[in-house]
Amino acid sequence: MTMPSTVTERCIGHLSQIPRGEGRQFDVGGTMVAVFHLRNGGVYATQTACPHRGGPLADGITGGTTVICPLHGKKFDLATGQEWTGDCVLATFPVRVTREGEIILGIE
């Protein structure tokens, strides 16, 4: 029998730290997380390194709900983590923003 995982919510900073259309890396209790603030106001969180070749995803180009790895051009859906050609997948994390603009990340 597998025990259910426990997700803890942690405040990691204010949304104003991330300009619209960009991403930033955060160290959340020893786990590195990339948080993206999209032009439409959406906020997503993923692992920081591209699973293809380790590119820094927070430095990637965002558009719609996707990010493109700056090293090799792999394109990922930020909501699902799926790479567009199906080669690999990103770990994603639940994230929300409070009325006060604080970024709340769910992490195990």
Protein backbone atom coordinates (compact mmCIF):
# COMPACT_ATOMS: atom_id res chain seq x y z
CA MET A 1 0.00 0.00 0.00
CA THR A 2 1.36 3.42 -1.00
CA MET A 3 1.03 6.27 1.44
CA PRO A 4 -0.42 9.48 -0.02
CA SER A 5 2.13 12.24 -0.50
CA THR A 6 1.79 15.35 1.57
CA VAL A 7 1.92 18.73 -0.10
CA THR A 8 2.90 21.73 1.99
CA GLU A 9 2.15 25.26 0.89
CA ARG A 10 4.99 27.75 1.22
CA CYS A 11 5.12 31.47 0.52
CA ILE A 12 8.13 31.99 -1.73
CA GLY A 13 7.96 35.71 -2.44
CA HIS A 14 5.92 38.45 -4.09
CA LEU A 15 4.73 38.28 -7.68
CA SER A 16 6.32 41.69 -8.30
CA GLN A 17 9.71 39.88 -8.24
CA ILE A 18 8.87 38.33 -11.62
CA PRO A 19 8.16 40.67 -14.55
CA ARG A 20 5.30 39.59 -16.82
CA GLY A 21 6.49 37.28 -19.56
CA GLU A 22 9.48 36.03 -17.53
CA GLY A 23 10.50 33.31 -15.09
CA ARG A 24 12.65 33.23 -11.95
CA GLN A 25 14.27 30.46 -9.94
CA PHE A 26 13.50 29.95 -6.25
CA ASP A 27 15.12 27.65 -3.70
CA VAL A 28 12.21 26.13 -1.79
CA GLY A 29 13.61 24.12 1.09
CA GLY A 30 16.44 22.74 -1.04
CA THR A 31 14.29 22.13 -4.13
CA MET A 32 14.92 24.49 -7.03
CA VAL A 33 11.70 25.65 -8.70
CA ALA A 34 11.14 27.87 -11.76
CA VAL A 35 8.13 30.19 -11.43
CA PHE A 36 6.73 31.88 -14.54
CA HIS A 37 4.59 35.04 -14.58
CA LEU A 38 2.92 35.02 -17.98
CA ARG A 39 1.89 38.09 -19.95
CA ASN A 40 -1.78 37.20 -19.39
CA GLY A 41 -1.17 37.21 -15.61
CA GLY A 42 -1.07 33.43 -15.23
CA VAL A 43 1.47 31.89 -12.85
CA TYR A 44 3.03 28.42 -13.25
CA ALA A 45 5.80 26.50 -11.49
CA THR A 46 8.06 23.74 -12.85
CA GLN A 47 11.41 22.14 -12.26
CA THR A 48 14.26 24.51 -13.12
CA ALA A 49 16.30 22.37 -15.51
CA CYS A 50 15.14 21.14 -18.91
CA PRO A 51 15.03 17.33 -18.79
CA HIS A 52 16.46 17.23 -22.33
CA ARG A 53 19.88 18.73 -21.61
CA GLY A 54 19.61 20.69 -18.37
CA GLY A 55 18.92 24.14 -19.83
CA PRO A 56 17.82 26.88 -17.38
CA LEU A 57 14.07 27.05 -18.05
CA ALA A 58 13.54 30.26 -16.05
CA ASP A 59 15.64 31.97 -18.75
CA GLY A 60 13.45 30.57 -21.53
CA ILE A 61 11.04 32.44 -23.78
CA THR A 62 7.41 32.32 -22.67
CA GLY A 63 4.35 32.68 -24.87
CA GLY A 64 0.75 31.71 -24.18
CA THR A 65 1.16 28.94 -21.61
CA THR A 66 4.48 27.60 -22.91
CA VAL A 67 8.19 28.02 -22.26
CA ILE A 68 10.98 27.31 -24.76
CA CYS A 69 14.28 26.01 -23.38
CA PRO A 70 16.99 28.58 -24.16
CA LEU A 71 19.59 25.90 -24.98
CA HIS A 72 17.94 23.55 -27.46
CA GLY A 73 14.50 24.96 -28.25
CA LYS A 74 12.37 22.28 -26.55
CA LYS A 75 8.87 23.70 -26.02
CA PHE A 76 6.91 22.77 -22.87
CA ASP A 77 3.31 23.33 -21.80
CA LEU A 78 3.56 24.97 -18.37
CA ALA A 79 0.22 23.59 -17.17
CA THR A 80 0.98 19.93 -17.88
CA GLY A 81 4.78 19.85 -18.20
CA GLN A 82 4.47 17.99 -21.51
CA GLU A 83 7.08 18.69 -24.20
CA TRP A 84 5.38 19.37 -27.55
CA THR A 85 6.97 16.46 -29.42
CA GLY A 86 6.45 14.07 -26.50
CA ASP A 87 10.18 13.50 -25.94
CA CYS A 88 10.17 14.42 -22.24
CA VAL A 89 8.08 15.96 -19.47
CA LEU A 90 8.64 18.56 -16.75
CA ALA A 91 7.72 18.20 -13.10
CA THR A 92 5.09 20.83 -12.29
CA PHE A 93 4.06 22.25 -8.93
CA PRO A 94 0.75 23.71 -7.76
CA VAL A 95 1.05 27.47 -7.40
CA ARG A 96 -1.33 30.32 -6.61
CA VAL A 97 -1.14 34.02 -5.86
CA THR A 98 -2.88 35.63 -2.88
CA ARG A 99 -4.85 38.89 -3.08
CA GLU A 100 -1.79 40.55 -1.61
CA GLY A 101 0.38 39.24 -4.45
CA GLU A 102 2.26 36.59 -2.46
CA ILE A 103 3.28 33.46 -4.44
CA ILE A 104 2.16 30.29 -2.65
CA LEU A 105 3.81 27.08 -3.89
CA GLY A 106 2.71 23.54 -3.08
CA ILE A 107 5.66 21.21 -2.55
CA GLU A 108 6.20 17.78 -0.99
